[in-house]
């Protein structure tokens, strides 16, 4: 608690990705204030997403699946899920919720 500014901080340590709610209340002796709640979400700073789309089809921004890793990443998928034909493997780097890099590879599944 910083009495000069009327603010407080909390050391939360490492908080996992996802939605969270912090509950706090003041206490002086045996008297406590009402509980205040502050909701927040933690998102990974950066991630690699992948998507398989039909040749020349648009990428669905909401359909990306996260790959494993960041500096060195990988993913697996079953080509049988997509059937025979020409496909595009779309790999994108997402930082702070924004796509910052993209690489595509054309493939033919038999």
Protein backbone atom coordinates (compact mmCIF):
# COMPACT_ATOMS: atom_id res chain seq x y z
CA UNK A 1 0.00 0.00 0.00
CA UNK A 2 1.33 3.41 -0.98
CA UNK A 3 -0.43 5.82 1.37
CA UNK A 4 0.95 8.87 -0.46
CA UNK A 5 -0.77 7.96 -3.74
CA UNK A 6 -3.60 5.85 -2.32
CA UNK A 7 -2.67 2.92 -4.53
CA UNK A 8 -1.64 -0.64 -3.85
CA UNK A 9 0.13 -3.42 -5.71
CA UNK A 10 0.00 -7.18 -5.45
CA UNK A 11 2.80 -9.61 -6.26
CA UNK A 12 1.00 -12.35 -8.18
CA UNK A 13 3.97 -14.38 -9.33
CA UNK A 14 3.59 -16.30 -12.58
CA UNK A 15 -0.05 -16.27 -13.62
CA UNK A 16 -1.13 -18.83 -16.25
CA UNK A 17 -2.78 -17.77 -19.51
CA UNK A 18 -6.52 -17.25 -19.32
CA UNK A 19 -9.11 -15.19 -17.44
CA UNK A 20 -8.55 -14.34 -13.77
CA UNK A 21 -10.17 -12.26 -11.05
CA UNK A 22 -8.24 -10.60 -8.23
CA UNK A 23 -10.21 -10.02 -5.03
CA UNK A 24 -8.94 -7.52 -2.46
CA UNK A 25 -10.08 -5.79 0.69
CA UNK A 26 -8.52 -3.52 3.27
CA UNK A 27 -8.07 -4.50 6.89
CA UNK A 28 -7.31 -2.38 9.92
CA UNK A 29 -7.21 -4.45 13.09
CA UNK A 30 -10.37 -6.54 13.02
CA UNK A 31 -12.28 -4.19 10.68
CA UNK A 32 -12.36 -5.08 6.96
CA UNK A 33 -13.69 -3.23 3.96
CA UNK A 34 -15.99 -4.59 1.31
CA UNK A 35 -14.29 -6.86 -1.19
CA UNK A 36 -13.33 -5.30 -4.52
CA UNK A 37 -12.86 -7.45 -7.64
CA UNK A 38 -10.77 -6.77 -10.73
CA UNK A 39 -11.02 -9.13 -13.70
CA UNK A 40 -8.17 -9.50 -16.18
CA UNK A 41 -6.89 -11.93 -18.80
CA UNK A 42 -3.38 -13.12 -19.47
CA UNK A 43 -2.50 -13.91 -23.07
CA UNK A 44 0.76 -15.36 -24.29
CA UNK A 45 3.08 -12.64 -25.52
CA UNK A 46 3.72 -14.52 -28.74
CA UNK A 47 2.68 -17.78 -30.35
CA UNK A 48 2.87 -19.59 -33.66
CA UNK A 49 -0.45 -20.55 -35.20
CA UNK A 50 -1.07 -22.89 -38.07
CA UNK A 51 -3.97 -23.51 -40.39
CA UNK A 52 -4.59 -25.77 -43.37
CA UNK A 53 -6.77 -24.20 -46.07
CA UNK A 54 -7.84 -25.29 -49.53
CA UNK A 55 -5.65 -23.87 -52.30
CA UNK A 56 -6.45 -20.17 -52.88
CA UNK A 57 -9.05 -20.15 -50.08
CA UNK A 58 -8.98 -17.32 -47.54
CA UNK A 59 -7.53 -17.86 -44.08
CA UNK A 60 -10.01 -17.72 -41.21
CA UNK A 61 -8.39 -15.49 -38.53
CA UNK A 62 -10.37 -17.27 -35.80
CA UNK A 63 -9.47 -20.81 -36.90
CA UNK A 64 -5.73 -20.83 -36.17
CA UNK A 65 -4.42 -23.64 -33.98
CA UNK A 66 -1.39 -23.06 -31.79
CA UNK A 67 1.82 -24.86 -32.66
CA UNK A 68 4.16 -26.21 -29.99
CA UNK A 69 7.04 -23.86 -29.23
CA UNK A 70 8.03 -20.43 -30.43
CA UNK A 71 11.69 -20.02 -31.46
CA UNK A 72 11.61 -23.63 -32.65
CA UNK A 73 8.07 -24.81 -33.26
CA UNK A 74 6.26 -27.83 -34.65
CA UNK A 75 2.82 -29.29 -35.18
CA UNK A 76 1.24 -32.43 -36.52
CA UNK A 77 -2.00 -33.11 -38.33
CA UNK A 78 -3.60 -35.96 -40.22
CA UNK A 79 -3.85 -35.32 -43.95
CA UNK A 80 -6.85 -37.67 -43.95
CA UNK A 81 -8.81 -34.90 -42.21
CA UNK A 82 -8.56 -32.83 -45.37
CA UNK A 83 -8.81 -35.31 -48.24
CA UNK A 84 -6.98 -35.45 -51.55
CA UNK A 85 -6.09 -32.26 -53.33
CA UNK A 86 -4.10 -29.07 -53.20
CA UNK A 87 -3.80 -27.29 -49.85
CA UNK A 88 -1.96 -24.38 -48.32
CA UNK A 89 -0.28 -24.66 -44.92
CA UNK A 90 -0.41 -21.23 -43.33
CA UNK A 91 1.95 -20.51 -40.44
CA UNK A 92 1.76 -17.18 -38.66
CA UNK A 93 3.44 -15.46 -35.76
CA UNK A 94 0.96 -13.73 -33.47
CA UNK A 95 2.33 -11.17 -31.01
CA UNK A 96 0.10 -9.25 -28.64
CA UNK A 97 -2.95 -10.50 -30.56
CA UNK A 98 -1.67 -9.21 -33.92
CA UNK A 99 -0.24 -11.21 -36.81
CA UNK A 100 3.34 -10.01 -37.33
CA UNK A 101 4.67 -12.61 -39.78
CA UNK A 102 3.27 -15.23 -42.13
CA UNK A 103 4.74 -18.07 -44.17
CA UNK A 104 2.81 -20.37 -46.48
CA UNK A 105 3.63 -23.71 -48.03
CA UNK A 106 1.70 -25.33 -50.88
CA UNK A 107 1.06 -29.06 -50.51
CA UNK A 108 -0.77 -31.85 -52.29
CA UNK A 109 -2.32 -34.58 -50.18
CA UNK A 110 -2.90 -38.05 -51.69
